[in-house]
């Protein structure tokens, strides 16, 4: 009787824990794959990643000695690879687009979240890293915290170069 209860208990524990274990394994694989893609992008642009962070469907990295910022994003529709030399830009700012959810209160829902790079040369178009888009992601999953961490870091590096 005790061995039967023990076996049944272990079986239910395994059933309950397996989604969390599989989720962790998939998350690690995704992060490793994203870092591999960012490293390949860095190698193509003669850069070395010294700092990076992974989002839901993107990874951002920085080559501190060469002042390059790299961005890789993969969605079901497209893959985006960008490498920017920060010496070519004069500012980095956060673009946050949203809609008002309630007319009476000031509650807004974020639809798009981007890092916008303003070039020194006015003939060059602005570059943007899209951290979040409501059309591809259902909800924010740390993108706001990541963009609020990276924007001051990048802006500080741009200011030091000017």
N, C-alpha and C. Protein backbone atom coordinates (compact mmCIF):
# COMPACT_ATOMS: atom_id res chain seq x y z
N UNK A 1 0.82 -1.20 0.00
CA UNK A 1 0.00 0.00 0.00
C UNK A 1 0.86 1.26 0.00
N UNK A 2 1.91 1.30 0.82
CA UNK A 2 2.78 2.47 0.89
C UNK A 2 3.57 2.67 -0.39
N UNK A 3 4.04 1.60 -1.01
CA UNK A 3 4.79 1.74 -2.27
C UNK A 3 3.88 2.21 -3.40
N UNK A 4 2.65 1.75 -3.39
CA UNK A 4 1.68 2.20 -4.40
C UNK A 4 1.40 3.69 -4.26
N UNK A 5 1.22 4.16 -3.04
CA UNK A 5 0.99 5.59 -2.78
C UNK A 5 2.23 6.40 -3.16
N UNK A 6 3.40 5.88 -2.83
CA UNK A 6 4.65 6.57 -3.16
C UNK A 6 4.82 6.69 -4.68
N UNK A 7 4.57 5.62 -5.40
CA UNK A 7 4.70 5.64 -6.86
C UNK A 7 3.69 6.61 -7.47
N UNK A 8 2.46 6.59 -6.98
CA UNK A 8 1.43 7.49 -7.47
C UNK A 8 1.79 8.95 -7.17
N UNK A 9 2.33 9.22 -6.00
CA UNK A 9 2.74 10.58 -5.62
C UNK A 9 3.86 11.07 -6.52
N UNK A 10 4.86 10.22 -6.75
CA UNK A 10 5.98 10.60 -7.62
C UNK A 10 5.47 10.86 -9.04
N UNK A 11 4.56 10.05 -9.52
CA UNK A 11 3.98 10.23 -10.84
C UNK A 11 3.29 11.59 -10.96
N UNK A 12 2.48 11.96 -9.96
CA UNK A 12 1.77 13.25 -9.99
C UNK A 12 2.74 14.42 -9.86
N UNK A 13 3.78 14.27 -9.10
CA UNK A 13 4.79 15.33 -8.98
C UNK A 13 5.47 15.55 -10.32
N UNK A 14 5.81 14.46 -10.99
CA UNK A 14 6.44 14.56 -12.31
C UNK A 14 5.50 15.22 -13.31
N UNK A 15 4.23 14.84 -13.28
CA UNK A 15 3.24 15.43 -14.19
C UNK A 15 3.10 16.93 -13.93
N UNK A 16 3.08 17.33 -12.66
CA UNK A 16 2.92 18.74 -12.32
C UNK A 16 4.17 19.57 -12.61
N UNK A 17 5.34 18.98 -12.44
CA UNK A 17 6.60 19.71 -12.62
C UNK A 17 7.05 19.78 -14.07
N UNK A 18 6.62 18.84 -14.90
CA UNK A 18 7.13 18.77 -16.27
C UNK A 18 6.91 20.04 -17.10
N UNK A 19 5.76 20.74 -17.02
CA UNK A 19 5.64 21.97 -17.81
C UNK A 19 6.69 23.03 -17.43
N UNK A 20 7.00 23.14 -16.15
CA UNK A 20 8.00 24.11 -15.70
C UNK A 20 9.40 23.72 -16.15
N UNK A 21 9.69 22.44 -16.09
CA UNK A 21 11.00 21.96 -16.53
C UNK A 21 11.17 22.16 -18.03
N UNK A 22 10.14 21.81 -18.80
CA UNK A 22 10.20 21.99 -20.26
C UNK A 22 10.31 23.46 -20.64
N UNK A 23 9.59 24.31 -19.92
CA UNK A 23 9.64 25.75 -20.17
C UNK A 23 11.05 26.29 -19.92
N UNK A 24 11.67 25.87 -18.85
CA UNK A 24 13.03 26.30 -18.53
C UNK A 24 14.02 25.82 -19.59
N UNK A 25 13.88 24.59 -20.01
CA UNK A 25 14.78 24.04 -21.03
C UNK A 25 14.62 24.80 -22.34
N UNK A 26 13.38 25.07 -22.76
CA UNK A 26 13.13 25.82 -23.99
C UNK A 26 13.66 27.24 -23.91
N UNK A 27 13.52 27.88 -22.74
CA UNK A 27 14.00 29.24 -22.55
C UNK A 27 15.53 29.28 -22.67
N UNK A 28 16.20 28.33 -22.09
CA UNK A 28 17.66 28.28 -22.18
C UNK A 28 18.11 28.06 -23.62
N UNK A 29 17.42 27.19 -24.34
CA UNK A 29 17.76 26.94 -25.75
C UNK A 29 17.57 28.20 -26.58
N UNK A 30 16.45 28.90 -26.34
CA UNK A 30 16.15 30.12 -27.09
C UNK A 30 17.21 31.18 -26.81
N UNK A 31 17.59 31.36 -25.55
CA UNK A 31 18.61 32.36 -25.21
C UNK A 31 19.96 32.01 -25.82
N UNK A 32 20.30 30.74 -25.79
CA UNK A 32 21.57 30.29 -26.36
C UNK A 32 21.58 30.52 -27.87
N UNK A 33 20.46 30.24 -28.53
CA UNK A 33 20.34 30.45 -29.97
C UNK A 33 20.41 31.94 -30.32
N UNK A 34 19.77 32.77 -29.51
CA UNK A 34 19.81 34.22 -29.75
C UNK A 34 21.24 34.74 -29.60
N UNK A 35 21.95 34.29 -28.58
CA UNK A 35 23.33 34.72 -28.37
C UNK A 35 24.21 34.25 -29.53
N UNK A 36 23.95 33.07 -30.04
CA UNK A 36 24.69 32.55 -31.19
C UNK A 36 24.47 33.45 -32.41
N UNK A 37 23.22 33.86 -32.63
CA UNK A 37 22.90 34.75 -33.76
C UNK A 37 23.55 36.12 -33.59
N UNK A 38 23.55 36.65 -32.35
CA UNK A 38 24.17 37.95 -32.09
C UNK A 38 25.69 37.86 -32.28
N UNK A 39 26.28 36.77 -31.86
CA UNK A 39 27.72 36.57 -32.03
C UNK A 39 28.07 36.50 -33.52
N UNK A 40 27.24 35.84 -34.31
CA UNK A 40 27.46 35.79 -35.76
C UNK A 40 27.37 37.19 -36.37
N UNK A 41 26.41 37.96 -35.91
CA UNK A 41 26.27 39.35 -36.38
C UNK A 41 27.49 40.17 -35.99
N UNK A 42 27.96 39.98 -34.78
CA UNK A 42 29.15 40.70 -34.30
C UNK A 42 30.37 40.33 -35.14
N UNK A 43 30.52 39.06 -35.44
CA UNK A 43 31.66 38.62 -36.25
C UNK A 43 31.62 39.22 -37.65
N UNK A 44 30.41 39.34 -38.23
CA UNK A 44 30.26 39.95 -39.57
C UNK A 44 30.67 41.42 -39.56
N UNK A 45 30.49 42.08 -38.40
CA UNK A 45 30.76 43.53 -38.29
C UNK A 45 32.03 43.83 -37.51
N UNK A 46 32.91 42.86 -37.40
CA UNK A 46 34.19 43.02 -36.70
C UNK A 46 33.99 43.60 -35.30
N UNK A 47 33.10 42.97 -34.54
CA UNK A 47 32.80 43.43 -33.18
C UNK A 47 32.88 42.25 -32.22
N UNK A 48 33.01 42.58 -30.95
CA UNK A 48 33.02 41.58 -29.90
C UNK A 48 31.99 41.99 -28.86
N UNK A 49 31.13 41.09 -28.48
CA UNK A 49 30.07 41.41 -27.52
C UNK A 49 30.66 41.40 -26.12
N UNK A 50 30.58 42.56 -25.46
CA UNK A 50 31.07 42.64 -24.08
C UNK A 50 29.93 42.70 -23.08
N UNK A 51 28.74 43.05 -23.57
CA UNK A 51 27.55 43.13 -22.71
C UNK A 51 26.34 42.81 -23.56
N UNK A 52 25.41 42.02 -23.03
CA UNK A 52 24.20 41.70 -23.79
C UNK A 52 23.05 41.35 -22.85
N UNK A 53 21.86 41.47 -23.39
CA UNK A 53 20.64 41.05 -22.68
C UNK A 53 19.65 40.49 -23.70
N UNK A 54 18.91 39.50 -23.25
CA UNK A 54 17.96 38.81 -24.11
C UNK A 54 16.54 39.19 -23.72
N UNK A 55 15.73 39.52 -24.73
CA UNK A 55 14.31 39.77 -24.53
C UNK A 55 13.51 38.57 -25.01
N UNK A 56 12.23 38.76 -25.19
CA UNK A 56 11.36 37.66 -25.62
C UNK A 56 11.75 37.16 -27.01
N UNK A 57 11.88 38.07 -27.97
CA UNK A 57 12.20 37.67 -29.34
C UNK A 57 13.38 38.45 -29.92
N UNK A 58 14.18 39.05 -29.04
CA UNK A 58 15.32 39.84 -29.49
C UNK A 58 16.48 39.72 -28.50
N UNK A 59 17.64 40.17 -28.97
CA UNK A 59 18.82 40.27 -28.11
C UNK A 59 19.54 41.55 -28.51
N UNK A 60 20.03 42.27 -27.52
CA UNK A 60 20.80 43.49 -27.76
C UNK A 60 22.16 43.32 -27.12
N UNK A 61 23.17 43.80 -27.80
CA UNK A 61 24.53 43.65 -27.29
C UNK A 61 25.36 44.90 -27.56
N UNK A 62 26.45 45.00 -26.83
CA UNK A 62 27.31 46.17 -26.93
C UNK A 62 28.76 45.73 -27.04
N UNK A 63 29.47 46.35 -27.96
CA UNK A 63 30.92 46.20 -28.04
C UNK A 63 31.48 47.49 -27.46
N UNK A 64 31.87 47.44 -26.21
CA UNK A 64 32.30 48.65 -25.50
C UNK A 64 33.58 49.26 -26.08
N UNK A 65 34.63 48.47 -26.39
CA UNK A 65 35.84 49.09 -26.94
C UNK A 65 35.63 49.78 -28.29
N UNK A 66 34.79 49.21 -29.14
CA UNK A 66 34.58 49.77 -30.47
C UNK A 66 33.33 50.65 -30.55
N UNK A 67 32.60 50.78 -29.45
CA UNK A 67 31.38 51.60 -29.39
C UNK A 67 30.38 51.23 -30.48
N UNK A 68 30.08 49.95 -30.54
CA UNK A 68 29.07 49.46 -31.47
C UNK A 68 27.95 48.81 -30.67
N UNK A 69 26.73 49.02 -31.12
CA UNK A 69 25.58 48.36 -30.51
C UNK A 69 24.96 47.45 -31.57
N UNK A 70 24.64 46.23 -31.13
CA UNK A 70 24.12 45.22 -32.05
C UNK A 70 22.75 44.79 -31.60
N UNK A 71 21.89 44.50 -32.57
CA UNK A 71 20.51 44.12 -32.27
C UNK A 71 20.09 43.01 -33.22
N UNK A 72 19.52 41.96 -32.65
CA UNK A 72 19.01 40.84 -33.45
C UNK A 72 17.61 40.53 -32.96
N UNK A 73 16.65 40.47 -33.89
CA UNK A 73 15.27 40.16 -33.54
C UNK A 73 14.73 39.16 -34.54
N UNK A 74 14.08 38.12 -34.02
CA UNK A 74 13.50 37.11 -34.89
C UNK A 74 12.05 36.91 -34.51
N UNK A 75 11.17 37.17 -35.48
CA UNK A 75 9.74 36.91 -35.31
C UNK A 75 9.33 35.89 -36.37
N UNK A 76 8.07 35.52 -36.34
CA UNK A 76 7.58 34.55 -37.32
C UNK A 76 7.67 35.12 -38.74
N UNK A 77 7.49 36.43 -38.86
CA UNK A 77 7.47 37.07 -40.18
C UNK A 77 8.85 37.42 -40.73
N UNK A 78 9.74 37.90 -39.85
CA UNK A 78 11.03 38.37 -40.37
C UNK A 78 12.12 38.31 -39.30
N UNK A 79 13.34 38.44 -39.80
CA UNK A 79 14.52 38.50 -38.94
C UNK A 79 15.19 39.86 -39.17
N UNK A 80 15.53 40.55 -38.07
CA UNK A 80 16.16 41.85 -38.15
C UNK A 80 17.55 41.78 -37.53
N UNK A 81 18.54 42.23 -38.27
CA UNK A 81 19.91 42.31 -37.78
C UNK A 81 20.40 43.73 -37.99
N UNK A 82 20.89 44.36 -36.92
CA UNK A 82 21.40 45.72 -37.03
C UNK A 82 22.67 45.86 -36.20
N UNK A 83 23.62 46.59 -36.75
CA UNK A 83 24.84 46.93 -36.04
C UNK A 83 25.10 48.40 -36.29
N UNK A 84 25.15 49.18 -35.23
CA UNK A 84 25.34 50.62 -35.36
C UNK A 84 26.64 51.05 -34.68
N UNK A 85 27.37 51.91 -35.36
CA UNK A 85 28.56 52.52 -34.77
C UNK A 85 28.08 53.79 -34.06
N UNK A 86 28.21 53.81 -32.74
CA UNK A 86 27.66 54.92 -31.95
C UNK A 86 28.32 56.26 -32.27
N UNK A 87 29.51 56.26 -32.86
CA UNK A 87 30.15 57.53 -33.21
C UNK A 87 29.42 58.24 -34.35
N UNK A 88 28.54 57.54 -35.05
CA UNK A 88 27.77 58.14 -36.14
C UNK A 88 26.45 58.75 -35.67
N UNK A 89 26.17 58.68 -34.38
CA UNK A 89 24.88 59.14 -33.86
C UNK A 89 25.07 60.19 -32.77
N UNK A 90 24.08 61.09 -32.68
CA UNK A 90 24.17 62.15 -31.68
C UNK A 90 23.21 61.96 -30.52
N UNK A 91 22.24 61.05 -30.65
CA UNK A 91 21.29 60.84 -29.55
C UNK A 91 20.62 59.48 -29.67
N UNK A 92 20.17 59.00 -28.53
CA UNK A 92 19.40 57.76 -28.45
C UNK A 92 18.23 58.05 -27.51
N UNK A 93 17.03 57.76 -27.97
CA UNK A 93 15.85 58.03 -27.14
C UNK A 93 14.85 56.90 -27.26
N UNK A 94 13.95 56.86 -26.31
CA UNK A 94 12.91 55.84 -26.28
C UNK A 94 11.68 56.37 -27.00
N UNK A 95 11.14 55.59 -27.92
CA UNK A 95 9.88 55.91 -28.57
C UNK A 95 8.84 54.94 -28.02
N UNK A 96 7.82 55.50 -27.42
CA UNK A 96 6.76 54.69 -26.82
C UNK A 96 5.43 55.15 -27.41
N UNK A 97 4.82 54.28 -28.19
CA UNK A 97 3.53 54.59 -28.80
C UNK A 97 2.46 53.74 -28.12
N UNK A 98 1.32 54.35 -27.87
CA UNK A 98 0.26 53.60 -27.20
C UNK A 98 -1.10 54.20 -27.47
N UNK A 99 -2.07 53.63 -26.79
CA UNK A 99 -3.43 54.12 -26.92
C UNK A 99 -4.01 54.30 -25.53
N UNK A 100 -4.91 55.25 -25.42
CA UNK A 100 -5.56 55.53 -24.15
C UNK A 100 -6.68 54.51 -23.95
N UNK A 101 -6.62 53.78 -22.83
CA UNK A 101 -7.61 52.75 -22.56
C UNK A 101 -8.90 53.29 -21.96
N UNK A 102 -8.78 54.34 -21.20
CA UNK A 102 -9.95 54.87 -20.51
C UNK A 102 -9.93 56.39 -20.63
N UNK A 103 -10.99 56.95 -21.15
CA UNK A 103 -11.06 58.39 -21.36
C UNK A 103 -11.04 59.17 -20.04
N UNK A 104 -11.58 58.58 -18.98
CA UNK A 104 -11.64 59.28 -17.69
C UNK A 104 -10.30 59.28 -16.96
N UNK A 105 -9.55 58.20 -17.09
CA UNK A 105 -8.26 58.14 -16.41
C UNK A 105 -7.13 58.26 -17.43
N UNK A 106 -5.94 58.34 -16.94
CA UNK A 106 -4.77 58.50 -17.81
C UNK A 106 -4.04 57.17 -17.97
N UNK A 107 -4.77 56.09 -18.23
CA UNK A 107 -4.19 54.76 -18.38
C UNK A 107 -3.94 54.49 -19.86
N UNK A 108 -2.68 54.19 -20.18
CA UNK A 108 -2.30 53.94 -21.56
C UNK A 108 -1.79 52.51 -21.73
N UNK A 109 -2.08 51.94 -22.88
CA UNK A 109 -1.54 50.63 -23.24
C UNK A 109 -0.45 50.85 -24.27
N UNK A 110 0.69 50.24 -24.07
CA UNK A 110 1.82 50.39 -24.99
C UNK A 110 1.59 49.49 -26.19
N UNK A 111 1.65 50.08 -27.38
CA UNK A 111 1.51 49.32 -28.62
C UNK A 111 2.86 49.02 -29.25
N UNK A 112 3.78 49.99 -29.18
CA UNK A 112 5.11 49.84 -29.76
C UNK A 112 6.14 50.49 -28.85
N UNK A 113 7.29 49.83 -28.74
CA UNK A 113 8.37 50.32 -27.89
C UNK A 113 9.67 50.19 -28.69
N UNK A 114 10.32 51.33 -28.94
CA UNK A 114 11.52 51.31 -29.78
C UNK A 114 12.63 52.18 -29.19
N UNK A 115 13.86 51.82 -29.53
CA UNK A 115 15.02 52.68 -29.27
C UNK A 115 15.30 53.39 -30.59
N UNK A 116 15.34 54.70 -30.55
CA UNK A 116 15.53 55.50 -31.76
C UNK A 116 16.90 56.17 -31.71
N UNK A 117 17.66 56.04 -32.79
CA UNK A 117 18.99 56.61 -32.89
C UNK A 117 18.97 57.75 -33.90
N UNK A 118 19.35 58.95 -33.45
CA UNK A 118 19.38 60.13 -34.30
C UNK A 118 20.80 60.30 -34.84
N UNK A 119 20.97 60.23 -36.18
CA UNK A 119 22.32 60.33 -36.75
C UNK A 119 22.84 61.77 -36.74
N UNK A 120 24.16 61.89 -36.74
CA UNK A 120 24.79 63.22 -36.84
C UNK A 120 24.56 63.80 -38.22
N UNK A 121 24.66 62.96 -39.25
CA UNK A 121 24.47 63.37 -40.63
C UNK A 121 22.98 63.40 -40.94
N UNK A 122 22.45 64.56 -41.28
CA UNK A 122 21.02 64.73 -41.51
C UNK A 122 20.52 64.01 -42.77
N UNK A 123 21.43 63.61 -43.65
CA UNK A 123 21.01 62.90 -44.86
C UNK A 123 20.76 61.41 -44.59
N UNK A 124 21.23 60.93 -43.46
CA UNK A 124 21.05 59.53 -43.09
C UNK A 124 19.76 59.39 -42.30
N UNK A 125 18.99 58.36 -42.58
CA UNK A 125 17.74 58.16 -41.85
C UNK A 125 18.01 57.61 -40.46
N UNK A 126 17.06 57.84 -39.57
CA UNK A 126 17.18 57.35 -38.20
C UNK A 126 17.11 55.83 -38.18
N UNK A 127 17.79 55.25 -37.23
CA UNK A 127 17.73 53.80 -37.04
C UNK A 127 16.92 53.51 -35.79
N UNK A 128 16.21 52.40 -35.80
CA UNK A 128 15.38 52.04 -34.65
C UNK A 128 15.51 50.56 -34.35
N UNK A 129 15.53 50.26 -33.04
CA UNK A 129 15.48 48.88 -32.56
C UNK A 129 14.10 48.69 -31.95
N UNK A 130 13.33 47.79 -32.51
CA UNK A 130 11.97 47.55 -32.00
C UNK A 130 12.01 46.50 -30.89
N UNK A 131 11.74 46.94 -29.67
CA UNK A 131 11.75 46.04 -28.52
C UNK A 131 10.39 45.34 -28.37
N UNK A 132 9.33 46.05 -28.69
CA UNK A 132 8.00 45.47 -28.49
C UNK A 132 7.05 46.00 -29.56
N UNK A 133 6.21 45.10 -30.06
CA UNK A 133 5.14 45.48 -30.98
C UNK A 133 3.93 44.63 -30.63
N UNK A 134 2.84 45.29 -30.38
CA UNK A 134 1.60 44.62 -29.98
C UNK A 134 1.13 43.60 -31.02
N UNK A 135 1.47 43.83 -32.29
CA UNK A 135 1.04 42.93 -33.36
C UNK A 135 1.74 41.57 -33.31
N UNK A 136 2.97 41.54 -32.78
CA UNK A 136 3.70 40.28 -32.73
C UNK A 136 3.77 39.67 -31.33
N UNK A 137 3.69 40.50 -30.30
CA UNK A 137 3.73 40.01 -28.92
C UNK A 137 2.42 40.36 -28.23
N UNK A 138 1.91 39.46 -27.44
CA UNK A 138 0.63 39.70 -26.78
C UNK A 138 0.75 40.72 -25.66
N UNK A 139 1.80 40.57 -24.84
CA UNK A 139 1.97 41.49 -23.71
C UNK A 139 3.45 41.76 -23.48
N UNK A 140 3.72 42.83 -22.73
CA UNK A 140 5.08 43.17 -22.36
C UNK A 140 5.63 42.10 -21.43
N UNK A 141 6.88 41.73 -21.65
CA UNK A 141 7.53 40.72 -20.81
C UNK A 141 8.94 41.17 -20.47
N UNK A 142 9.07 42.31 -19.85
CA UNK A 142 10.37 42.83 -19.46
C UNK A 142 11.00 43.79 -20.46
N UNK A 143 10.33 44.03 -21.59
CA UNK A 143 10.89 44.92 -22.61
C UNK A 143 11.02 46.35 -22.09
N UNK A 144 10.07 46.79 -21.29
CA UNK A 144 10.12 48.15 -20.75
C UNK A 144 11.33 48.33 -19.84
N UNK A 145 11.60 47.34 -19.01
CA UNK A 145 12.76 47.41 -18.13
C UNK A 145 14.06 47.37 -18.94
N UNK A 146 14.10 46.53 -19.97
CA UNK A 146 15.30 46.45 -20.81
C UNK A 146 15.58 47.76 -21.54
N UNK A 147 14.54 48.35 -22.11
CA UNK A 147 14.75 49.60 -22.85
C UNK A 147 15.14 50.73 -21.92
N UNK A 148 14.59 50.72 -20.70
CA UNK A 148 14.96 51.74 -19.71
C UNK A 148 16.36 51.53 -19.16
N UNK A 149 16.91 50.35 -19.30
CA UNK A 149 18.29 50.08 -18.90
C UNK A 149 19.26 50.46 -20.02
N UNK A 150 18.92 50.10 -21.25
CA UNK A 150 19.84 50.29 -22.36
C UNK A 150 19.88 51.71 -22.90
N UNK A 151 18.79 52.42 -22.89
CA UNK A 151 18.79 53.79 -23.44
C UNK A 151 19.78 54.69 -22.71
N UNK A 152 19.78 54.77 -21.37
CA UNK A 152 20.78 55.63 -20.72
C UNK A 152 22.22 55.14 -20.94
N UNK A 153 22.40 53.84 -20.98
CA UNK A 153 23.73 53.28 -21.21
C UNK A 153 24.26 53.70 -22.58
N UNK A 154 23.43 53.58 -23.60
CA UNK A 154 23.83 53.95 -24.96
C UNK A 154 23.99 55.46 -25.09
N UNK A 155 23.05 56.22 -24.51
CA UNK A 155 23.13 57.68 -24.59
C UNK A 155 24.40 58.21 -23.90
N UNK A 156 24.77 57.59 -22.80
CA UNK A 156 26.00 57.98 -22.10
C UNK A 156 27.22 57.73 -22.98
N UNK A 157 27.25 56.63 -23.71
CA UNK A 157 28.36 56.33 -24.59
C UNK A 157 28.40 57.31 -25.77
N UNK A 158 27.21 57.65 -26.31
CA UNK A 158 27.15 58.62 -27.41
C UNK A 158 27.65 59.98 -26.95
N UNK A 159 27.22 60.40 -25.77
CA UNK A 159 27.63 61.70 -25.23
C UNK A 159 29.15 61.75 -25.00
N UNK A 160 29.74 60.65 -24.58
CA UNK A 160 31.18 60.60 -24.35
C UNK A 160 31.95 60.71 -25.66
N UNK A 161 31.35 60.25 -26.76
CA UNK A 161 32.02 60.31 -28.07
C UNK A 161 31.91 61.69 -28.71
N UNK A 162 30.95 62.49 -28.31
CA UNK A 162 30.74 63.81 -28.95
C UNK A 162 31.48 64.91 -28.24
